[in-house]
PDB file of N, CA and C in Angstrom:
ATOM      1  N   MET A   1      92.468-132.091  30.118  1.00  0.00           N
ATOM      2  CA  MET A   1      93.509-132.845  29.359  1.00  0.00           C
ATOM      3  C   MET A   1      92.940-133.118  28.003  1.00  0.00           C
ATOM      4  N   SER A   2      93.597-132.851  26.979  1.00  0.00           N
ATOM      5  CA  SER A   2      93.162-133.182  25.602  1.00  0.00           C
ATOM      6  C   SER A   2      94.070-134.303  25.081  1.00  0.00           C
ATOM      7  N   VAL A   3      93.401-135.359  24.681  1.00  0.00           N
ATOM      8  CA  VAL A   3      94.094-136.544  24.130  1.00  0.00           C
ATOM      9  C   VAL A   3      93.485-136.875  22.830  1.00  0.00           C
ATOM     10  N   GLU A   4      94.273-137.031  21.758  1.00  0.00           N
ATOM     11  CA  GLU A   4      93.721-137.358  20.474  1.00  0.00           C
ATOM     12  C   GLU A   4      93.715-138.914  20.369  1.00  0.00           C
ATOM     13  N   ILE A   5      92.590-139.488  20.114  1.00  0.00           N
ATOM     14  CA  ILE A   5      92.482-140.974  20.066  1.00  0.00           C
ATOM     15  C   ILE A   5      92.406-141.259  18.536  1.00  0.00           C
ATOM     16  N   ALA A   6      93.320-142.172  18.173  1.00  0.00           N
ATOM     17  CA  ALA A   6      93.348-142.571  16.812  1.00  0.00           C
ATOM     18  C   ALA A   6      92.485-143.881  16.696  1.00  0.00           C
ATOM     19  N   PHE A   7      91.534-143.806  15.727  1.00  0.00           N
ATOM     20  CA  PHE A   7      90.647-145.000  15.495  1.00  0.00           C
ATOM     21  C   PHE A   7      91.159-145.791  14.319  1.00  0.00           C
ATOM     22  N   PRO A   8      91.026-147.080  14.263  1.00  0.00           N
ATOM     23  CA  PRO A   8      90.529-147.865  15.408  1.00  0.00           C
ATOM     24  C   PRO A   8      91.577-148.063  16.438  1.00  0.00           C
ATOM     25  N   PHE A   9      91.169-148.387  17.690  1.00  0.00           N
ATOM     26  CA  PHE A   9      92.117-148.708  18.703  1.00  0.00           C
ATOM     27  C   PHE A   9      91.722-149.945  19.370  1.00  0.00           C
ATOM     28  N   GLU A  10      92.647-150.563  20.054  1.00  0.00           N
ATOM     29  CA  GLU A  10      92.352-151.816  20.680  1.00  0.00           C
ATOM     30  C   GLU A  10      93.047-151.921  22.058  1.00  0.00           C
ATOM     31  N   PHE A  11      92.501-152.797  22.875  1.00  0.00           N
ATOM     32  CA  PHE A  11      93.280-153.213  24.029  1.00  0.00           C
ATOM     33  C   PHE A  11      92.874-154.615  24.445  1.00  0.00           C
ATOM     34  N   VAL A  12      93.765-155.307  25.125  1.00  0.00           N
ATOM     35  CA  VAL A  12      93.618-156.691  25.539  1.00  0.00           C
ATOM     36  C   VAL A  12      93.302-156.794  26.945  1.00  0.00           C
ATOM     37  N   VAL A  13      92.280-157.652  27.275  1.00  0.00           N
ATOM     38  CA  VAL A  13      91.946-157.977  28.666  1.00  0.00           C
ATOM     39  C   VAL A  13      92.294-159.457  28.821  1.00  0.00           C
ATOM     40  N   GLU A  14      93.314-159.629  29.641  1.00  0.00           N
ATOM     41  CA  GLU A  14      93.759-161.141  29.891  1.00  0.00           C
ATOM     42  C   GLU A  14      92.734-161.813  30.831  1.00  0.00           C
ATOM     43  N   GLY A  15      92.441-163.130  30.515  1.00  0.00           N
ATOM     44  CA  GLY A  15      91.607-163.929  31.370  1.00  0.00           C
ATOM     45  C   GLY A  15      90.379-164.418  30.609  1.00  0.00           C
ATOM     46  N   THR A  16      89.567-165.222  31.267  1.00  0.00           N
ATOM     47  CA  THR A  16      88.389-165.743  30.653  1.00  0.00           C
ATOM     48  C   THR A  16      87.206-164.893  31.018  1.00  0.00           C
ATOM     49  N   PRO A  17      86.475-164.471  30.030  1.00  0.00           N
ATOM     50  CA  PRO A  17      85.270-163.618  30.264  1.00  0.00           C
ATOM     51  C   PRO A  17      84.328-164.184  31.212  1.00  0.00           C
ATOM     52  N   VAL A  18      83.633-163.276  31.996  1.00  0.00           N
ATOM     53  CA  VAL A  18      82.676-163.761  32.989  1.00  0.00           C
ATOM     54  C   VAL A  18      81.264-163.267  32.521  1.00  0.00           C
ATOM     55  N   SER A  19      80.290-164.198  32.629  1.00  0.00           N
ATOM     56  CA  SER A  19      78.941-163.778  32.294  1.00  0.00           C
ATOM     57  C   SER A  19      78.333-162.778  33.280  1.00  0.00           C
ATOM     58  N   ALA A  20      77.483-161.886  32.794  1.00  0.00           N
ATOM     59  CA  ALA A  20      76.833-160.946  33.643  1.00  0.00           C
ATOM     60  C   ALA A  20      75.825-161.661  34.564  1.00  0.00           C
ATOM     61  N   GLN A  21      75.482-162.887  34.223  1.00  0.00           N
ATOM     62  CA  GLN A  21      74.474-163.713  34.996  1.00  0.00           C
ATOM     63  C   GLN A  21      75.162-164.644  36.050  1.00  0.00           C
ATOM     64  N   ARG A  22      76.403-164.439  36.311  1.00  0.00           N
ATOM     65  CA  ARG A  22      77.088-165.271  37.323  1.00  0.00           C
ATOM     66  C   ARG A  22      76.372-165.154  38.666  1.00  0.00           C
ATOM     67  N   ARG A  23      76.383-166.270  39.323  1.00  0.00           N
ATOM     68  CA  ARG A  23      75.770-166.273  40.718  1.00  0.00           C
ATOM     69  C   ARG A  23      76.531-165.423  41.734  1.00  0.00           C
ATOM     70  N   ARG A  24      77.814-165.279  41.441  1.00  0.00           N
ATOM     71  CA  ARG A  24      78.620-164.464  42.294  1.00  0.00           C
ATOM     72  C   ARG A  24      78.892-163.125  41.685  1.00  0.00           C
ATOM     73  N   PRO A  25      78.121-162.102  42.123  1.00  0.00           N
ATOM     74  CA  PRO A  25      78.307-160.772  41.504  1.00  0.00           C
ATOM     75  C   PRO A  25      79.735-160.285  41.634  1.00  0.00           C
ATOM     76  N   GLU A  26      80.454-160.777  42.654  1.00  0.00           N
ATOM     77  CA  GLU A  26      81.902-160.295  42.816  1.00  0.00           C
ATOM     78  C   GLU A  26      82.713-160.679  41.650  1.00  0.00           C
ATOM     79  N   SER A  27      82.423-161.860  41.008  1.00  0.00           N
ATOM     80  CA  SER A  27      83.129-162.302  39.866  1.00  0.00           C
ATOM     81  C   SER A  27      82.978-161.315  38.714  1.00  0.00           C
ATOM     82  N   VAL A  28      81.757-160.821  38.531  1.00  0.00           N
ATOM     83  CA  VAL A  28      81.460-159.880  37.521  1.00  0.00           C
ATOM     84  C   VAL A  28      82.208-158.524  37.749  1.00  0.00           C
ATOM     85  N   ARG A  29      82.226-158.064  38.992  1.00  0.00           N
ATOM     86  CA  ARG A  29      82.856-156.840  39.352  1.00  0.00           C
ATOM     87  C   ARG A  29      84.404-156.968  39.073  1.00  0.00           C
ATOM     88  N   GLN A  30      84.968-158.136  39.472  1.00  0.00           N
ATOM     89  CA  GLN A  30      86.404-158.324  39.232  1.00  0.00           C
ATOM     90  C   GLN A  30      86.720-158.309  37.752  1.00  0.00           C
ATOM     91  N   TRP A  31      85.871-158.972  36.955  1.00  0.00           N
ATOM     92  CA  TRP A  31      86.089-158.991  35.458  1.00  0.00           C
ATOM     93  C   TRP A  31      85.930-157.594  34.906  1.00  0.00           C
ATOM     94  N   GLN A  32      84.989-156.777  35.378  1.00  0.00           N
ATOM     95  CA  GLN A  32      84.847-155.417  34.871  1.00  0.00           C
ATOM     96  C   GLN A  32      86.039-154.612  35.307  1.00  0.00           C
ATOM     97  N   SER A  33      86.550-154.869  36.506  1.00  0.00           N
ATOM     98  CA  SER A  33      87.702-154.136  36.969  1.00  0.00           C
ATOM     99  C   SER A  33      88.935-154.366  36.047  1.00  0.00           C
ATOM    100  N   ARG A  34      89.063-155.602  35.582  1.00  0.00           N
ATOM    101  CA  ARG A  34      90.112-155.968  34.646  1.00  0.00           C
ATOM    102  C   ARG A  34      89.954-155.287  33.315  1.00  0.00           C
ATOM    103  N   ILE A  35      88.670-155.189  32.887  1.00  0.00           N
ATOM    104  CA  ILE A  35      88.375-154.470  31.554  1.00  0.00           C
ATOM    105  C   ILE A  35      88.736-153.000  31.708  1.00  0.00           C
ATOM    106  N   THR A  36      88.300-152.341  32.820  1.00  0.00           N
ATOM    107  CA  THR A  36      88.578-150.928  33.071  1.00  0.00           C
ATOM    108  C   THR A  36      90.138-150.773  33.079  1.00  0.00           C
ATOM    109  N   GLU A  37      90.853-151.566  33.809  1.00  0.00           N
ATOM    110  CA  GLU A  37      92.310-151.425  33.899  1.00  0.00           C
ATOM    111  C   GLU A  37      92.917-151.502  32.564  1.00  0.00           C
ATOM    112  N   ALA A  38      92.569-152.475  31.731  1.00  0.00           N
ATOM    113  CA  ALA A  38      93.160-152.642  30.417  1.00  0.00           C
ATOM    114  C   ALA A  38      92.760-151.457  29.495  1.00  0.00           C
ATOM    115  N   SER A  39      91.562-150.947  29.633  1.00  0.00           N
ATOM    116  CA  SER A  39      91.174-149.836  28.756  1.00  0.00           C
ATOM    117  C   SER A  39      91.861-148.538  29.098  1.00  0.00           C
ATOM    118  N   ARG A  40      92.281-148.337  30.406  1.00  0.00           N
ATOM    119  CA  ARG A  40      92.885-147.134  30.802  1.00  0.00           C
ATOM    120  C   ARG A  40      94.281-146.899  30.201  1.00  0.00           C
ATOM    121  N   ARG A  41      94.852-148.002  29.683  1.00  0.00           N
ATOM    122  CA  ARG A  41      96.105-147.860  28.971  1.00  0.00           C
ATOM    123  C   ARG A  41      95.915-147.060  27.637  1.00  0.00           C
ATOM    124  N   MET A  42      94.649-147.106  27.080  1.00  0.00           N
ATOM    125  CA  MET A  42      94.360-146.402  25.862  1.00  0.00           C
ATOM    126  C   MET A  42      93.614-145.097  26.195  1.00  0.00           C
ATOM    127  N   LEU A  43      92.755-145.076  27.159  1.00  0.00           N
ATOM    128  CA  LEU A  43      91.909-143.961  27.400  1.00  0.00           C
ATOM    129  C   LEU A  43      92.225-143.521  28.806  1.00  0.00           C
ATOM    130  N   PRO A  44      92.734-142.371  29.057  1.00  0.00           N
ATOM    131  CA  PRO A  44      93.026-141.880  30.468  1.00  0.00           C
ATOM    132  C   PRO A  44      91.684-141.660  31.208  1.00  0.00           C
ATOM    133  N   GLU A  45      91.812-141.686  32.531  1.00  0.00           N
ATOM    134  CA  GLU A  45      90.639-141.481  33.424  1.00  0.00           C
ATOM    135  C   GLU A  45      89.896-140.240  33.128  1.00  0.00           C
ATOM    136  N   GLY A  46      88.563-140.368  33.072  1.00  0.00           N
ATOM    137  CA  GLY A  46      87.728-139.191  32.794  1.00  0.00           C
ATOM    138  C   GLY A  46      87.622-138.852  31.295  1.00  0.00           C
ATOM    139  N   HIS A  47      88.161-139.683  30.390  1.00  0.00           N
ATOM    140  CA  HIS A  47      88.197-139.336  29.010  1.00  0.00           C
ATOM    141  C   HIS A  47      87.494-140.448  28.243  1.00  0.00           C
ATOM    142  N   PHE A  48      86.776-140.076  27.215  1.00  0.00           N
ATOM    143  CA  PHE A  48      86.209-141.163  26.317  1.00  0.00           C
ATOM    144  C   PHE A  48      86.646-140.881  24.909  1.00  0.00           C
ATOM    145  N   ALA A  49      86.467-141.812  24.149  1.00  0.00           N
ATOM    146  CA  ALA A  49      87.035-141.776  22.777  1.00  0.00           C
ATOM    147  C   ALA A  49      86.286-140.857  21.844  1.00  0.00           C
ATOM    148  N   ASN A  50      84.975-140.854  21.909  1.00  0.00           N
ATOM    149  CA  ASN A  50      84.172-140.114  20.970  1.00  0.00           C
ATOM    150  C   ASN A  50      82.726-139.979  21.503  1.00  0.00           C
ATOM    151  N   GLU A  51      82.121-138.844  21.160  1.00  0.00           N
ATOM    152  CA  GLU A  51      80.682-138.745  21.544  1.00  0.00           C
ATOM    153  C   GLU A  51      79.693-139.361  20.508  1.00  0.00           C
ATOM    154  N   ALA A  52      80.196-139.569  19.371  1.00  0.00           N
ATOM    155  CA  ALA A  52      79.376-140.223  18.383  1.00  0.00           C
ATOM    156  C   ALA A  52      79.107-141.713  18.620  1.00  0.00           C
ATOM    157  N   PRO A  53      78.085-142.310  18.037  1.00  0.00           N
ATOM    158  CA  PRO A  53      77.976-143.799  18.235  1.00  0.00           C
ATOM    159  C   PRO A  53      79.191-144.530  17.748  1.00  0.00           C
ATOM    160  N   ILE A  54      79.507-145.601  18.354  1.00  0.00           N
ATOM    161  CA  ILE A  54      80.704-146.312  18.028  1.00  0.00           C
ATOM    162  C   ILE A  54      80.298-147.824  17.706  1.00  0.00           C
ATOM    163  N   SER A  55      81.158-148.521  16.992  1.00  0.00           N
ATOM    164  CA  SER A  55      81.012-149.874  16.788  1.00  0.00           C
ATOM    165  C   SER A  55      82.127-150.615  17.612  1.00  0.00           C
ATOM    166  N   VAL A  56      81.761-151.706  18.208  1.00  0.00           N
ATOM    167  CA  VAL A  56      82.680-152.487  18.992  1.00  0.00           C
ATOM    168  C   VAL A  56      82.872-153.913  18.403  1.00  0.00           C
ATOM    169  N   ILE A  57      84.093-154.341  18.293  1.00  0.00           N
ATOM    170  CA  ILE A  57      84.347-155.655  17.792  1.00  0.00           C
ATOM    171  C   ILE A  57      85.080-156.383  18.935  1.00  0.00           C
ATOM    172  N   LEU A  58      84.583-157.517  19.351  1.00  0.00           N
ATOM    173  CA  LEU A  58      85.281-158.227  20.458  1.00  0.00           C
ATOM    174  C   LEU A  58      85.762-159.565  19.886  1.00  0.00           C
ATOM    175  N   TYR A  59      86.969-159.900  20.168  1.00  0.00           N
ATOM    176  CA  TYR A  59      87.560-161.178  19.869  1.00  0.00           C
ATOM    177  C   TYR A  59      87.837-161.875  21.151  1.00  0.00           C
ATOM    178  N   SER A  60      87.491-163.096  21.322  1.00  0.00           N
ATOM    179  CA  SER A  60      87.721-163.813  22.522  1.00  0.00           C
ATOM    180  C   SER A  60      88.525-165.107  22.201  1.00  0.00           C
ATOM    181  N   PHE A  61      89.556-165.294  22.971  1.00  0.00           N
ATOM    182  CA  PHE A  61      90.436-166.442  22.798  1.00  0.00           C
ATOM    183  C   PHE A  61      90.628-167.004  24.247  1.00  0.00           C
ATOM    184  N   PRO A  62      89.475-167.528  24.867  1.00  0.00           N
ATOM    185  CA  PRO A  62      89.560-167.966  26.264  1.00  0.00           C
ATOM    186  C   PRO A  62      90.482-169.224  26.455  1.00  0.00           C
ATOM    187  N   SER A  63      91.176-169.083  27.609  1.00  0.00           N
ATOM    188  CA  SER A  63      92.007-170.294  27.925  1.00  0.00           C
ATOM    189  C   SER A  63      91.277-171.362  28.609  1.00  0.00           C
ATOM    190  N   ALA A  64      90.022-171.150  29.009  1.00  0.00           N
ATOM    191  CA  ALA A  64      89.195-172.087  29.622  1.00  0.00           C
ATOM    192  C   ALA A  64      87.739-172.007  29.055  1.00  0.00           C
ATOM    193  N   PRO A  65      86.958-173.031  29.183  1.00  0.00           N
ATOM    194  CA  PRO A  65      85.590-172.952  28.655  1.00  0.00           C
ATOM    195  C   PRO A  65      84.855-171.821  29.266  1.00  0.00           C
ATOM    196  N   MET A  66      84.075-171.098  28.480  1.00  0.00           N
ATOM    197  CA  MET A  66      83.274-169.993  28.942  1.00  0.00           C
ATOM    198  C   MET A  66      81.880-170.519  29.316  1.00  0.00           C
ATOM    199  N   LEU A  67      81.331-170.068  30.393  1.00  0.00           N
ATOM    200  CA  LEU A  67      79.943-170.462  30.842  1.00  0.00           C
ATOM    201  C   LEU A  67      79.022-169.268  30.636  1.00  0.00           C
ATOM    202  N   GLY A  68      77.839-169.568  30.095  1.00  0.00           N
ATOM    203  CA  GLY A  68      76.815-168.518  29.931  1.00  0.00           C
ATOM    204  C   GLY A  68      76.532-168.230  28.432  1.00  0.00           C
ATOM    205  N   ASN A  69      75.524-167.473  28.243  1.00  0.00           N
ATOM    206  CA  ASN A  69      75.156-167.056  26.839  1.00  0.00           C
ATOM    207  C   ASN A  69      76.056-165.937  26.428  1.00  0.00           C
ATOM    208  N   ILE A  70      76.330-165.928  25.133  1.00  0.00           N
ATOM    209  CA  ILE A  70      77.272-164.906  24.594  1.00  0.00           C
ATOM    210  C   ILE A  70      76.819-163.476  24.979  1.00  0.00           C
ATOM    211  N   ASP A  71      75.554-163.152  24.941  1.00  0.00           N
ATOM    212  CA  ASP A  71      75.065-161.752  25.231  1.00  0.00           C
ATOM    213  C   ASP A  71      75.456-161.433  26.638  1.00  0.00           C
ATOM    214  N   ASN A  72      75.347-162.365  27.570  1.00  0.00           N
ATOM    215  CA  ASN A  72      75.629-162.122  28.995  1.00  0.00           C
ATOM    216  C   ASN A  72      77.171-162.034  29.241  1.00  0.00           C
ATOM    217  N   ILE A  73      77.948-162.641  28.341  1.00  0.00           N
ATOM    218  CA  ILE A  73      79.391-162.533  28.381  1.00  0.00           C
ATOM    219  C   ILE A  73      79.932-161.188  27.832  1.00  0.00           C
ATOM    220  N   VAL A  74      79.240-160.638  26.862  1.00  0.00           N
ATOM    221  CA  VAL A  74      79.649-159.397  26.257  1.00  0.00           C
ATOM    222  C   VAL A  74      79.093-158.195  27.104  1.00  0.00           C
ATOM    223  N   ARG A  75      78.057-158.416  27.872  1.00  0.00           N
ATOM    224  CA  ARG A  75      77.413-157.332  28.600  1.00  0.00           C
ATOM    225  C   ARG A  75      78.409-156.581  29.573  1.00  0.00           C
ATOM    226  N   PRO A  76      79.151-157.317  30.388  1.00  0.00           N
ATOM    227  CA  PRO A  76      80.041-156.621  31.298  1.00  0.00           C
ATOM    228  C   PRO A  76      81.015-155.666  30.561  1.00  0.00           C
ATOM    229  N   PHE A  77      81.533-156.127  29.445  1.00  0.00           N
ATOM    230  CA  PHE A  77      82.444-155.299  28.595  1.00  0.00           C
ATOM    231  C   PHE A  77      81.733-154.014  28.152  1.00  0.00           C
ATOM    232  N   LEU A  78      80.512-154.220  27.606  1.00  0.00           N
ATOM    233  CA  LEU A  78      79.817-153.037  27.058  1.00  0.00           C
ATOM    234  C   LEU A  78      79.405-152.034  28.171  1.00  0.00           C
ATOM    235  N   ASN A  79      79.117-152.593  29.325  1.00  0.00           N
ATOM    236  CA  ASN A  79      78.677-151.763  30.504  1.00  0.00           C
ATOM    237  C   ASN A  79      79.918-150.908  30.960  1.00  0.00           C
ATOM    238  N   VAL A  80      81.085-151.479  30.924  1.00  0.00           N
ATOM    239  CA  VAL A  80      82.327-150.734  31.294  1.00  0.00           C
ATOM    240  C   VAL A  80      82.597-149.651  30.265  1.00  0.00           C
ATOM    241  N   ILE A  81      82.437-149.897  29.034  1.00  0.00           N
ATOM    242  CA  ILE A  81      82.669-148.922  27.982  1.00  0.00           C
ATOM    243  C   ILE A  81      81.644-147.711  28.063  1.00  0.00           C
ATOM    244  N   CYS A  82      80.376-148.106  28.363  1.00  0.00           N
ATOM    245  CA  CYS A  82      79.364-147.064  28.474  1.00  0.00           C
ATOM    246  C   CYS A  82      79.618-146.182  29.659  1.00  0.00           C
ATOM    247  N   ARG A  83      80.075-146.786  30.797  1.00  0.00           N
ATOM    248  CA  ARG A  83      80.315-146.003  32.025  1.00  0.00           C
ATOM    249  C   ARG A  83      81.504-144.966  31.693  1.00  0.00           C
ATOM    250  N   MET A  84      82.413-145.342  30.876  1.00  0.00           N
ATOM    251  CA  MET A  84      83.564-144.523  30.565  1.00  0.00           C
ATOM    252  C   MET A  84      83.100-143.149  29.999  1.00  0.00           C
ATOM    253  N   ARG A  85      81.960-143.129  29.395  1.00  0.00           N
ATOM    254  CA  ARG A  85      81.382-141.938  28.780  1.00  0.00           C
ATOM    255  C   ARG A  85      80.811-141.001  29.827  1.00  0.00           C
ATOM    256  N   SER A  86      80.427-141.512  30.979  1.00  0.00           N
ATOM    257  CA  SER A  86      79.697-140.626  31.906  1.00  0.00           C
ATOM    258  C   SER A  86      80.575-140.029  32.923  1.00  0.00           C
TER     259      SER A  86
END
């Protein structure tokens, strides 16, 4: 399947981000599942946007206080995006 992706593109993941360092790994997996689900509306299964390096801008408007360091909060999102390429 050939899909033309127009840059920039965006998608919204509802909910409060979860730190990669959570004591409950299931929480991280659930958050990553939400990210994957939201991204699939823009990128179909088995497709990635571009083979070249990309830049990612994340905006967060959490409805509840976020726990953890910002790098550990961003990591689950970036891990999902990188897996989409493989």
